[in-house]
Amino acid sequence: METAIGSQRPKTRLKQHRHRRLHSPGGTLGRHLARRPSSKSASPTSSPSPETSTSPSSTPSSPSRPHQRRLLQRAQRRLRRRRLRPLARRRACVRHVHRRRLSVLNAIAGAYSENSPVILTRIVPVAPNSNDYGTNRILHHTIGLPDFSQELRCFQTVTCFQAVVNNLEDAHEQIDTAISTALKESKPVYIMEATASFLNKAVKPVLVGGPKLRVAKACEAFVELADACGYPISVMPSAKGLVPETHPHFIGTYWGAVSTAFCAEIVESADAYIFAGPIFNDYSSVGYSLLIKKEKAIIVQPDRVVVANGPAFGCILMKDFLRELAKRLKKNTTAYENYRRIFVPDGRPLEAAPREPLRVNVLFKHIQEMISGDNAVIAETGDSWFNCQKLKLPEGCGYEFQMQYGSIGWSVGATLGYAQAAKNKRVIACIGDGSFQVTAQDISTMLRCNQNTIIFLINNGGYTIEVEIHDGPYNVIKNWNYTGLVEAIHNGEGNCWTAKVFCEEELKEAIEAVTGTKKDCLCFIEVIVHKDDTSKELLEWGSRVSAANSRPPNPQ
């Protein structure tokens, strides 16, 4: 048996399944070929010649159930009317050919050009008997030459995969590879209709981007969808920086109870939402307290889509899905208009008295004013998560932080790596004192590589985020002379500038220096703040995560 597939560009992936052995009772090659496509969203169709006489146990043209026979009969009529390609647009189509193999070449070429998944098989006894291979015999239904590969070579240029099945031991693997390739090379059409119908019926749908947009390389497709549908768009906290915050319909970070103002109200009151690439863990869900209903959600993962907590569709690439969906959605700005009605601009921190001890919200007010598209912001695990999340990123400004793994000290090495890779960006890192103590030695490599990063070392005397989750004496750390440590590492080699600030006046002077005369230096600013000076978001988030962590053990 020879198998060829008509399709073109790589679109999807297919999970492998365990297979029955073909030589098990009742398990023939013909039956496997007839049944296997139906388990992978493909329609088996057969088109036997009038003179063909085959056994029901050896070919799939005689299915055992009446509805299968009706399906095949309808498919045969479609094929005769040149409707192979429209059928394959709806779902994968299997074409069993017994005679006149080359007559279907044009239809296969058409399916190939339109990325429609079609599987073409040449079934025994029409294929040459194994005893005829290696001989000089000329067989009927050929071009009169002892060349049994001629048809296979004809289809090679209009199919994306070809297989010759010579034995039963690996037949199931080759057949499933053929089916898998046909499905993964096709466009995800059938799922589009269900998704578009669900969303177009909604009154106030919203769009939420998640961190897996990056791995799926779907950030641009997400923006294209946002432009097309008119929905308000937000991002999960670990997706900040993946979607331009200058987009006219951007409403901020969706993070449950600690979301950007008015964002959670719009998202959680929507009657439909698309989550593209989300990760719902205990941190991103604020201790599992999100008010999201699965039956209202379209969950789009890099290679999988779940519609309204119902059918799950695999073998679909996120970026292709989002781009195709953008073509099918009706424009709906209702939710964004509601957002505009309730929106009130953010306030500003209270003015500080002269030489008043510096507050964290004042620090980030000045960081907001200094960032531009030429910068990238790195946020360390801790209160910097929440303070940096509130920064409004200008067009082109990079942003990185680690939420899933949440490794304390991650940002120092990340700052080094980012600055080394993105030479056109000046990195601004916000790092807590406890985290810095874990990986401080990376400062040495930053100096050796002549990086001009700006590091704000926030010294509040301990692990503040851990205090809010589970307080204890272990959250208080030994204080260091951080500027003195960096100067010792500098040791007169390389460009380095340090400052220690206690009030807003000193902060202003330091920022003026790092953006002016010291712009080519590695700049390290130690900011002294009160140990209880935290963002309101950390207080809320910490109490909810603490409650989730302290749940009584499950008796089961």
Protein backbone atom coordinates (compact mmCIF):
# COMPACT_ATOMS: atom_id res chain seq x y z
CA MET A 1 0.00 0.00 0.00
CA GLU A 2 1.16 3.50 -0.80
CA THR A 3 0.01 6.56 1.15
CA ALA A 4 0.42 10.21 0.25
CA ILE A 5 -0.88 13.39 1.84
CA GLY A 6 -1.92 16.60 0.16
CA SER A 7 -1.18 19.68 2.25
CA GLN A 8 1.55 22.27 2.55
CA ARG A 9 2.65 24.44 5.42
CA PRO A 10 3.20 23.34 9.04
CA LYS A 11 0.24 24.44 11.14
CA THR A 12 -0.45 22.07 13.99
CA ARG A 13 0.77 19.25 16.15
CA LEU A 14 -0.86 15.94 16.94
CA LYS A 15 -0.56 13.91 20.11
CA GLN A 16 0.46 10.33 19.52
CA HIS A 17 -1.88 7.61 20.74
CA ARG A 18 -1.37 3.98 21.53
CA HIS A 19 -2.38 1.70 18.69
CA ARG A 20 -3.86 -1.76 18.48
CA ARG A 21 -1.68 -4.32 16.80
CA LEU A 22 -2.93 -4.95 13.29
CA HIS A 23 -2.69 -8.70 13.65
CA SER A 24 -4.97 -8.80 16.70
CA PRO A 25 -8.30 -10.64 16.24
CA GLY A 26 -10.37 -8.72 13.71
CA GLY A 27 -7.62 -6.14 13.24
CA THR A 28 -6.75 -5.95 9.53
CA LEU A 29 -4.91 -3.25 7.64
CA GLY A 30 -8.11 -2.27 5.85
CA ARG A 31 -10.11 -1.90 9.05
CA HIS A 32 -7.32 0.06 10.73
CA LEU A 33 -7.20 2.43 7.80
CA ALA A 34 -10.99 2.82 7.84
CA ARG A 35 -11.31 3.42 11.57
CA ARG A 36 -8.15 5.34 12.40
CA PRO A 37 -9.01 8.59 10.56
CA SER A 38 -12.31 8.88 12.44
CA SER A 39 -10.38 8.94 15.73
CA LYS A 40 -8.37 11.91 14.48
CA SER A 41 -11.18 14.10 13.10
CA ALA A 42 -10.85 12.76 9.56
CA SER A 43 -13.59 11.41 7.29
CA PRO A 44 -12.86 8.07 5.57
CA THR A 45 -14.13 8.05 2.00
CA SER A 46 -13.72 5.39 -0.68
CA SER A 47 -13.98 5.46 -4.43
CA PRO A 48 -13.68 1.93 -5.80
CA SER A 49 -13.78 1.12 -9.48
CA PRO A 50 -16.70 -0.94 -10.82
CA GLU A 51 -14.46 -3.89 -11.63
CA THR A 52 -12.89 -4.00 -8.16
CA SER A 53 -13.79 -7.02 -6.10
CA THR A 54 -12.42 -6.90 -2.59
CA SER A 55 -13.17 -8.49 0.74
CA PRO A 56 -14.81 -6.38 3.48
CA SER A 57 -12.06 -7.52 5.84
CA SER A 58 -9.28 -6.25 3.62
CA THR A 59 -10.50 -2.83 2.51
CA PRO A 60 -12.29 0.04 4.19
CA SER A 61 -14.84 0.36 1.40
CA SER A 62 -17.35 -1.92 3.14
CA PRO A 63 -17.87 -0.56 6.65
CA SER A 64 -19.79 -2.64 9.08
CA ARG A 65 -22.23 0.05 10.22
CA PRO A 66 -25.01 1.55 8.04
CA HIS A 67 -24.16 5.16 8.88
CA GLN A 68 -20.58 4.55 7.73
CA ARG A 69 -21.82 3.15 4.44
CA ARG A 70 -24.03 6.19 3.93
CA LEU A 71 -21.07 8.45 4.73
CA LEU A 72 -18.93 6.72 2.13
CA GLN A 73 -21.65 6.85 -0.49
CA ARG A 74 -22.14 10.58 0.04
CA ALA A 75 -18.38 11.10 -0.07
CA GLN A 76 -18.15 9.21 -3.36
CA ARG A 77 -20.74 11.50 -4.91
CA ARG A 78 -18.82 14.53 -3.67
CA LEU A 79 -15.61 13.26 -5.15
CA ARG A 80 -17.25 12.65 -8.50
CA ARG A 81 -18.45 16.26 -8.48
CA ARG A 82 -14.93 17.57 -7.81
CA ARG A 83 -15.83 18.49 -4.23
CA LEU A 84 -12.80 16.91 -2.64
CA ARG A 85 -11.28 20.25 -1.64
CA PRO A 86 -14.39 21.80 0.00
CA LEU A 87 -14.88 18.60 1.99
CA ALA A 88 -11.32 18.67 3.18
CA ARG A 89 -11.66 22.29 4.27
CA ARG A 90 -14.24 21.15 6.78
CA ARG A 91 -12.31 18.16 8.09
CA ALA A 92 -9.53 15.82 7.05
CA CYS A 93 -10.55 13.61 4.12
CA VAL A 94 -9.20 10.12 3.34
CA ARG A 95 -9.32 9.10 -0.31
CA HIS A 96 -8.97 5.36 -1.04
CA VAL A 97 -8.13 4.77 -4.71
CA HIS A 98 -8.36 1.32 -6.31
CA ARG A 99 -8.13 2.12 -10.03
CA ARG A 100 -7.24 5.16 -12.14
CA ARG A 101 -4.85 6.48 -9.51
CA LEU A 102 -3.49 9.31 -11.63
CA SER A 103 -6.97 10.67 -12.38
CA VAL A 104 -7.14 12.08 -8.84
CA LEU A 105 -3.82 13.92 -9.19
CA ASN A 106 -5.50 17.23 -10.05
CA ALA A 107 -7.78 17.11 -7.01
CA ILE A 108 -4.85 16.30 -4.73
CA ALA A 109 -2.86 19.20 -6.19
CA GLY A 110 -5.77 21.52 -5.45
CA ALA A 111 -6.00 20.29 -1.87
CA TYR A 112 -2.26 20.79 -1.51
CA SER A 113 -2.43 24.39 -2.69
CA GLU A 114 -5.21 25.21 -0.20
CA ASN A 115 -3.70 23.41 2.79
CA SER A 116 -6.62 21.00 2.93
CA PRO A 117 -5.80 17.71 4.69
CA VAL A 118 -6.36 14.81 2.27
CA ILE A 119 -4.92 11.33 2.61
CA LEU A 120 -4.66 9.31 -0.60
CA THR A 121 -4.17 5.56 -0.35
CA ARG A 122 -3.52 2.89 -2.94
CA ILE A 123 -4.95 -0.36 -1.59
CA VAL A 124 -4.05 -3.99 -2.25
CA PRO A 125 -4.89 -6.00 -4.35
CA VAL A 126 -4.46 -3.14 -6.85
CA ALA A 127 -0.99 -2.27 -5.59
CA PRO A 128 1.65 -4.69 -6.95
CA ASN A 129 1.87 -8.02 -5.21
CA SER A 130 4.98 -8.27 -3.06
CA ASN A 131 6.17 -11.15 -5.23
CA ASP A 132 6.35 -8.81 -8.23
CA TYR A 133 8.83 -6.39 -6.66
CA GLY A 134 12.35 -6.95 -7.90
CA THR A 135 11.15 -8.66 -11.08
CA ASN A 136 10.92 -7.38 -14.63
CA ARG A 137 7.20 -8.05 -14.92
CA ILE A 138 4.76 -5.61 -16.48
CA LEU A 139 1.41 -5.35 -14.72
CA HIS A 140 -2.01 -4.10 -15.73
CA HIS A 141 -3.19 -0.61 -14.74
CA THR A 142 0.33 0.70 -15.21
CA ILE A 143 2.07 2.70 -17.94
CA GLY A 144 3.58 -0.50 -19.33
CA LEU A 145 6.92 -0.34 -17.56
CA PRO A 146 8.20 -2.53 -14.72
CA ASP A 147 8.50 0.63 -12.56
CA PHE A 148 6.18 0.42 -9.59
CA SER A 149 7.28 3.76 -8.11
CA GLN A 150 6.04 5.94 -10.98
CA GLU A 151 2.77 6.91 -9.32
CA LEU A 152 4.45 7.61 -5.99
CA ARG A 153 6.87 9.97 -7.73
CA CYS A 154 3.99 11.76 -9.46
CA PHE A 155 2.39 12.58 -6.12
CA GLN A 156 5.61 13.60 -4.35
CA THR A 157 5.48 17.18 -5.64
CA VAL A 158 1.87 17.77 -4.53
CA THR A 159 1.90 16.02 -1.15
CA CYS A 160 3.70 16.78 2.09
CA PHE A 161 4.29 13.16 3.09
CA GLN A 162 4.58 9.83 1.31
CA ALA A 163 4.83 6.33 2.74
CA VAL A 164 5.08 2.83 1.31
CA VAL A 165 3.68 0.15 3.61
CA ASN A 166 5.43 -3.15 2.97
CA ASN A 167 4.66 -5.07 6.17
CA LEU A 168 2.08 -5.16 8.94
CA GLU A 169 4.54 -4.69 11.79
CA ASP A 170 5.03 -0.97 11.19
CA ALA A 171 1.94 -0.30 9.07
CA HIS A 172 0.04 1.37 11.90
CA GLU A 173 2.98 3.72 12.57
CA GLN A 174 3.24 4.80 8.95
CA ILE A 175 -0.52 5.25 8.60
CA ASP A 176 -0.72 7.33 11.79
CA THR A 177 2.26 9.39 10.71
CA ALA A 178 0.46 10.09 7.45
CA ILE A 179 -2.76 11.08 9.23
CA SER A 180 -0.84 13.17 11.78
CA THR A 181 1.04 15.01 9.06
CA ALA A 182 -2.14 15.70 7.11
CA LEU A 183 -3.80 17.21 10.16
CA LYS A 184 -0.81 19.21 11.31
CA GLU A 185 -0.21 20.69 7.87
CA SER A 186 -3.80 21.92 7.50
CA LYS A 187 -5.45 25.12 8.65
CA PRO A 188 -7.65 24.92 11.77
CA VAL A 189 -11.02 25.65 10.17
CA TYR A 190 -13.62 23.56 12.01
CA ILE A 191 -12.86 25.02 15.45
CA MET A 192 -13.17 28.56 14.10
CA GLU A 193 -16.88 28.29 13.52
CA ALA A 194 -17.60 27.16 17.08
CA THR A 195 -15.40 29.88 18.58
CA ALA A 196 -16.62 32.70 16.36
CA SER A 197 -20.25 31.73 16.96
CA PHE A 198 -19.71 31.72 20.73
CA LEU A 199 -18.03 35.14 20.76
CA ASN A 200 -20.28 36.83 18.22
CA LYS A 201 -23.29 35.99 20.40
CA ALA A 202 -21.69 37.68 23.43
CA VAL A 203 -22.72 41.19 24.46
CA LYS A 204 -19.51 42.39 26.12
CA PRO A 205 -16.57 40.06 25.40
CA VAL A 206 -12.98 40.81 26.43
CA LEU A 207 -9.50 39.66 25.40
CA VAL A 208 -6.76 38.68 27.89
CA GLY A 209 -3.17 37.84 26.96
CA GLY A 210 -1.11 35.33 28.90
CA PRO A 211 2.61 34.48 29.17
CA LYS A 212 2.46 31.67 26.62
CA LEU A 213 1.96 34.23 23.87
CA ARG A 214 5.76 34.42 23.85
CA VAL A 215 6.50 30.71 23.39
CA ALA A 216 3.75 30.47 20.78
CA LYS A 217 5.22 33.47 18.93
CA ALA A 218 1.70 34.83 18.82
CA CYS A 219 2.12 38.39 20.15
CA GLU A 220 1.58 40.00 16.76
CA ALA A 221 -1.39 37.73 16.03
CA PHE A 222 -2.90 38.74 19.39
CA VAL A 223 -2.66 42.43 18.47
CA GLU A 224 -4.16 41.72 15.04
CA LEU A 225 -7.10 40.04 16.75
CA ALA A 226 -7.48 42.99 19.14
CA ASP A 227 -7.50 45.43 16.22
CA ALA A 228 -10.13 43.41 14.40
CA CYS A 229 -12.58 42.63 17.22
CA GLY A 230 -12.62 45.91 19.17
CA TYR A 231 -12.66 44.12 22.54
CA PRO A 232 -10.85 45.70 25.51
CA ILE A 233 -7.50 43.96 25.97
CA SER A 234 -5.59 43.24 29.14
CA VAL A 235 -2.71 41.00 30.12
CA MET A 236 -2.05 38.58 32.92
CA PRO A 237 0.79 39.78 35.17
CA SER A 238 3.45 37.53 33.65
CA ALA A 239 2.48 38.67 30.14
CA LYS A 240 3.28 42.32 30.82
CA GLY A 241 5.44 43.65 28.02
CA LEU A 242 4.19 41.13 25.43
CA VAL A 243 1.35 43.39 24.31
CA PRO A 244 1.85 47.10 23.58
CA GLU A 245 0.33 49.14 26.39
CA THR A 246 -0.09 52.02 23.95
CA HIS A 247 -2.85 50.09 22.16
CA PRO A 248 -6.02 52.22 22.23
CA HIS A 249 -8.06 49.42 23.85
CA PHE A 250 -5.49 48.38 26.46
CA ILE A 251 -7.02 48.50 29.96
CA GLY A 252 -4.17 47.16 32.11
CA THR A 253 -3.21 44.01 34.01
CA TYR A 254 -5.81 41.44 34.94
CA TRP A 255 -4.68 39.96 38.25
CA GLY A 256 -7.90 39.35 40.15
CA ALA A 257 -8.18 41.45 43.29
CA VAL A 258 -4.87 43.25 42.58
CA SER A 259 -5.59 44.15 38.96
CA THR A 260 -5.10 47.56 37.42
CA ALA A 261 -7.95 49.81 38.53
CA PHE A 262 -11.22 49.03 36.68
CA CYS A 263 -9.64 46.15 34.74
CA ALA A 264 -10.91 43.25 36.88
CA GLU A 265 -14.41 44.73 36.94
CA ILE A 266 -14.56 44.74 33.15
CA VAL A 267 -13.02 41.29 32.70
CA GLU A 268 -14.99 39.49 35.39
CA SER A 269 -18.31 41.06 34.40
CA ALA A 270 -17.89 40.04 30.75
CA ASP A 271 -20.16 37.37 29.31
CA ALA A 272 -17.30 35.91 27.24
CA TYR A 273 -13.53 36.12 27.43
CA ILE A 274 -10.63 34.86 25.37
CA PHE A 275 -7.54 33.90 27.38
CA ALA A 276 -4.62 33.51 25.00
CA GLY A 277 -1.76 31.54 26.56
CA PRO A 278 -2.75 31.79 30.25
CA ILE A 279 -1.11 30.15 33.24
CA PHE A 280 -3.48 29.91 36.20
CA ASN A 281 -1.32 29.12 39.21
CA ASP A 282 -1.79 30.08 42.86
CA TYR A 283 0.14 33.33 42.37
CA SER A 284 -1.45 34.53 39.13
CA SER A 285 -4.90 33.58 40.44
CA VAL A 286 -4.29 35.41 43.76
CA GLY A 287 -4.77 32.30 45.85
CA TYR A 288 -7.35 30.82 43.46
CA SER A 289 -9.71 33.75 43.93
CA LEU A 290 -10.33 34.81 40.31
CA LEU A 291 -14.00 35.32 39.49
CA ILE A 292 -13.72 33.63 36.10
CA LYS A 293 -16.28 31.08 34.89
CA LYS A 294 -14.98 28.38 32.58
CA GLU A 295 -18.23 28.17 30.66
CA LYS A 296 -17.68 31.75 29.51
CA ALA A 297 -14.05 31.28 28.50
CA ILE A 298 -12.20 30.44 25.32
CA ILE A 299 -8.81 29.12 26.51
CA VAL A 300 -6.20 29.24 23.74
CA GLN A 301 -2.95 27.46 24.50
CA PRO A 302 0.03 27.18 22.11
CA ASP A 303 -1.36 24.01 20.52
CA ARG A 304 -4.81 23.54 22.02
CA VAL A 305 -8.16 25.36 22.29
CA VAL A 306 -10.94 24.75 24.81
CA VAL A 307 -14.33 26.32 24.09
CA ALA A 308 -16.60 27.23 27.00
CA ASN A 309 -15.37 24.39 29.23
CA GLY A 310 -16.63 22.03 26.56
CA PRO A 311 -14.91 20.59 23.52
CA ALA A 312 -11.13 20.67 23.49
CA PHE A 313 -9.37 20.83 20.15
CA GLY A 314 -5.74 19.83 19.77
CA CYS A 315 -3.38 20.19 16.84
CA ILE A 316 -3.93 23.96 16.49
CA LEU A 317 -1.19 26.58 16.64
CA MET A 318 -2.14 29.64 18.65
CA LYS A 319 -0.86 32.23 16.20
CA ASP A 320 -2.74 30.66 13.29
CA PHE A 321 -5.88 30.32 15.36
CA LEU A 322 -5.83 33.98 16.47
CA ARG A 323 -5.23 35.24 12.93
CA GLU A 324 -8.03 33.15 11.49
CA LEU A 325 -10.36 34.12 14.32
CA ALA A 326 -9.71 37.81 13.62
CA LYS A 327 -11.28 37.33 10.18
CA ARG A 328 -14.47 35.86 11.62
CA LEU A 329 -15.34 38.05 14.61
CA LYS A 330 -17.78 40.92 14.45
CA LYS A 331 -16.52 44.20 15.85
CA ASN A 332 -17.84 44.71 19.36
CA THR A 333 -16.68 47.65 21.49
CA THR A 334 -19.38 47.40 24.17
CA ALA A 335 -17.06 46.28 26.98
CA TYR A 336 -14.48 48.93 26.11
CA GLU A 337 -17.17 51.63 26.10
CA ASN A 338 -18.24 50.44 29.55
CA TYR A 339 -14.62 50.75 30.70
CA ARG A 340 -14.41 54.30 29.43
CA ARG A 341 -17.56 55.23 31.34
CA ILE A 342 -16.25 54.07 34.71
CA PHE A 343 -12.55 54.92 34.29
CA VAL A 344 -10.95 57.43 36.66
CA PRO A 345 -7.25 58.33 36.15
CA ASP A 346 -4.68 57.22 38.71
CA GLY A 347 -3.82 59.59 41.51
CA ARG A 348 -0.33 60.72 42.45
CA PRO A 349 1.59 60.08 45.69
CA LEU A 350 1.34 62.66 48.41
CA GLU A 351 3.95 65.38 48.17
CA ALA A 352 6.86 64.67 50.48
CA ALA A 353 7.99 67.14 53.11
CA PRO A 354 11.56 68.41 52.77
CA ARG A 355 14.06 65.65 53.60
CA GLU A 356 11.21 63.30 54.51
CA PRO A 357 12.27 59.62 54.41
CA LEU A 358 11.73 58.25 50.94
CA ARG A 359 8.57 56.27 50.24
CA VAL A 360 8.34 53.43 47.69
CA ASN A 361 5.47 55.04 45.77
CA VAL A 362 7.55 58.21 45.35
CA LEU A 363 10.45 56.11 44.04
CA PHE A 364 8.28 54.51 41.37
CA LYS A 365 6.75 57.83 40.42
CA HIS A 366 10.23 58.92 39.37
CA ILE A 367 11.01 55.60 37.67
CA GLN A 368 7.84 56.03 35.63
CA GLU A 369 9.03 59.44 34.48
CA MET A 370 12.47 58.21 33.43
CA ILE A 371 11.59 55.11 31.36
CA SER A 372 11.27 55.27 27.58
CA GLY A 373 11.25 52.98 24.58
CA ASP A 374 15.03 52.76 24.87
CA ASN A 375 14.78 50.99 28.23
CA ALA A 376 13.86 47.56 29.51
CA VAL A 377 12.53 47.00 33.03
CA ILE A 378 13.49 43.94 35.09
CA ALA A 379 11.35 43.30 38.18
CA GLU A 380 12.67 41.08 40.98
CA THR A 381 10.48 38.63 42.88
CA GLY A 382 8.88 40.55 45.74
CA ASP A 383 7.14 43.89 46.07
CA SER A 384 8.80 44.99 42.83
CA TRP A 385 6.38 42.62 41.09
CA PHE A 386 3.50 44.86 42.08
CA ASN A 387 5.17 48.25 41.81
CA CYS A 388 6.63 47.52 38.37
CA GLN A 389 3.34 46.04 37.22
CA LYS A 390 1.81 49.49 37.67
CA LEU A 391 4.35 51.15 35.39
CA LYS A 392 2.90 52.25 32.06
CA LEU A 393 5.35 51.00 29.48
CA PRO A 394 6.11 53.32 26.56
CA GLU A 395 6.14 51.89 23.04
CA GLY A 396 9.16 49.62 22.63
CA CYS A 397 10.01 49.38 26.33
CA GLY A 398 10.96 45.83 27.32
CA TYR A 399 9.75 44.14 30.47
CA GLU A 400 10.70 40.91 32.24
CA PHE A 401 9.86 39.23 35.51
CA GLN A 402 9.59 35.67 36.73
CA MET A 403 6.25 34.69 38.20
CA GLN A 404 5.88 30.97 37.60
CA TYR A 405 9.19 29.91 39.17
CA GLY A 406 9.55 32.96 41.43
CA SER A 407 13.21 32.42 42.24
CA ILE A 408 14.59 34.97 44.68
CA GLY A 409 17.67 36.59 43.18
CA TRP A 410 16.65 35.75 39.60
CA SER A 411 16.68 39.35 38.45
CA VAL A 412 20.41 39.98 38.95
CA GLY A 413 21.44 37.32 36.47
CA ALA A 414 18.49 38.22 34.22
CA THR A 415 19.65 41.84 34.18
CA LEU A 416 23.14 40.72 33.17
CA GLY A 417 21.82 38.51 30.38
CA TYR A 418 19.28 40.99 29.05
CA ALA A 419 21.78 43.84 28.91
CA GLN A 420 24.31 41.64 27.14
CA ALA A 421 21.79 40.52 24.51
CA ALA A 422 19.90 43.80 23.97
CA LYS A 423 22.71 46.27 23.35
CA ASN A 424 20.21 48.88 22.15
CA LYS A 425 18.39 48.97 25.51
CA ARG A 426 19.46 50.43 28.82
CA VAL A 427 18.16 48.07 31.48
CA ILE A 428 16.51 49.41 34.64
CA ALA A 429 16.37 46.75 37.36
CA CYS A 430 14.34 46.99 40.57
CA ILE A 431 15.77 44.52 43.09
CA GLY A 432 15.10 43.90 46.77
CA ASP A 433 17.92 43.63 49.28
CA GLY A 434 17.16 40.02 50.24
CA SER A 435 17.14 38.91 46.62
CA PHE A 436 20.34 40.78 45.82
CA GLN A 437 22.23 38.94 48.55
CA VAL A 438 21.65 35.66 46.72
CA THR A 439 23.27 36.58 43.39
CA ALA A 440 25.23 39.79 44.01
CA GLN A 441 28.39 38.41 42.39
CA ASP A 442 26.89 38.91 38.90
CA ILE A 443 27.73 42.59 39.33
CA SER A 444 31.33 41.60 38.60
CA THR A 445 30.43 40.27 35.15
CA MET A 446 28.31 43.34 34.40
CA LEU A 447 31.38 45.50 35.03
CA ARG A 448 33.64 43.25 32.99
CA CYS A 449 31.18 43.48 30.07
CA ASN A 450 31.00 47.30 30.35
CA GLN A 451 27.23 47.34 30.83
CA ASN A 452 25.45 50.60 31.66
CA THR A 453 22.52 49.15 33.57
CA ILE A 454 20.71 51.14 36.27
CA ILE A 455 20.01 49.10 39.41
CA PHE A 456 17.66 50.38 42.11
CA LEU A 457 18.49 48.32 45.20
CA ILE A 458 15.45 48.65 47.51
CA ASN A 459 16.73 48.20 51.05
CA ASN A 460 13.90 47.56 53.51
CA GLY A 461 15.71 45.11 55.74
CA GLY A 462 14.15 41.78 54.79
CA TYR A 463 12.01 39.53 52.61
CA THR A 464 8.91 41.73 52.54
CA ILE A 465 6.84 39.50 50.25
CA GLU A 466 7.41 36.55 52.58
CA VAL A 467 6.39 38.68 55.55
CA GLU A 468 2.97 39.18 53.96
CA ILE A 469 2.56 35.46 53.15
CA HIS A 470 4.01 33.94 56.33
CA ASP A 471 5.82 36.15 58.78
CA GLY A 472 8.65 34.97 60.98
CA PRO A 473 12.14 35.90 62.23
CA TYR A 474 13.72 34.22 59.20
CA ASN A 475 12.40 37.07 57.01
CA VAL A 476 14.75 39.55 58.70
CA ILE A 477 18.18 39.55 57.06
CA LYS A 478 21.63 40.88 57.94
CA ASN A 479 22.00 44.36 56.50
CA TRP A 480 24.87 44.99 54.09
CA ASN A 481 26.61 48.10 52.94
CA TYR A 482 25.41 47.47 49.38
CA THR A 483 27.05 50.45 47.74
CA GLY A 484 30.27 49.57 49.53
CA LEU A 485 30.04 45.98 48.23
CA VAL A 486 29.58 47.13 44.63
CA GLU A 487 32.49 49.54 44.95
CA ALA A 488 34.65 46.71 46.28
CA ILE A 489 33.69 44.53 43.31
CA HIS A 490 34.43 47.47 41.01
CA ASN A 491 37.93 47.81 42.48
CA GLY A 492 38.81 50.63 40.11
CA GLU A 493 38.25 48.55 36.97
CA GLY A 494 35.47 49.52 34.56
CA ASN A 495 32.80 52.23 34.67
CA CYS A 496 30.79 52.19 37.87
CA TRP A 497 28.87 54.79 39.86
CA THR A 498 27.02 54.28 43.14
CA ALA A 499 24.74 56.34 45.36
CA LYS A 500 22.81 55.82 48.58
CA VAL A 501 19.57 57.82 48.87
CA PHE A 502 17.36 58.47 51.90
CA CYS A 503 14.93 61.13 50.60
CA GLU A 504 13.30 62.38 47.40
CA GLU A 505 15.80 65.20 46.95
CA GLU A 506 18.71 62.74 46.89
CA LEU A 507 16.78 60.44 44.54
CA LYS A 508 16.27 63.26 42.05
CA GLU A 509 19.96 64.07 42.09
CA ALA A 510 20.86 60.42 41.53
CA ILE A 511 18.45 60.03 38.61
CA GLU A 512 19.78 63.22 37.04
CA ALA A 513 23.30 61.80 37.27
CA VAL A 514 22.51 58.34 35.83
CA THR A 515 20.63 59.84 32.89
CA GLY A 516 23.26 62.51 32.33
CA THR A 517 26.95 62.46 33.11
CA LYS A 518 26.92 58.82 34.25
CA LYS A 519 24.87 57.42 31.36
CA ASP A 520 27.73 55.17 30.23
CA CYS A 521 28.33 53.70 33.68
CA LEU A 522 26.92 50.77 35.56
CA CYS A 523 24.82 52.76 38.04
CA PHE A 524 23.87 51.31 41.41
CA ILE A 525 21.44 53.28 43.58
CA GLU A 526 20.70 51.96 47.07
CA VAL A 527 17.28 53.22 48.18
CA ILE A 528 16.64 53.17 51.94
CA VAL A 529 12.94 52.70 52.82
CA HIS A 530 10.91 51.65 55.86
CA LYS A 531 10.54 47.89 56.42
CA ASP A 532 6.73 48.14 56.34
CA ASP A 533 6.55 50.33 53.22
CA THR A 534 4.80 48.05 50.74
CA SER A 535 2.33 48.39 47.90
CA LYS A 536 -1.35 47.95 48.69
CA GLU A 537 -1.42 45.19 46.07
CA LEU A 538 1.14 43.13 47.99
CA LEU A 539 -0.92 43.46 51.18
CA GLU A 540 -4.06 42.19 49.38
CA TRP A 541 -2.27 39.50 47.37
CA GLY A 542 -0.26 38.29 50.36
CA SER A 543 -3.33 37.80 52.54
CA ARG A 544 -5.13 35.81 49.83
CA VAL A 545 -2.14 33.62 48.98
CA SER A 546 -1.54 33.07 52.69
CA ALA A 547 -5.15 31.91 53.10
CA ALA A 548 -4.71 29.49 50.19
CA ASN A 549 -1.46 28.15 51.62
CA SER A 550 -2.92 27.65 55.09
CA ARG A 551 -5.95 25.60 54.05
CA PRO A 552 -6.39 22.51 56.25
CA PRO A 553 -5.10 19.25 54.80
CA ASN A 554 -7.40 17.36 52.48
CA PRO A 555 -8.65 14.35 54.48
CA GLN A 556 -8.49 12.23 51.32
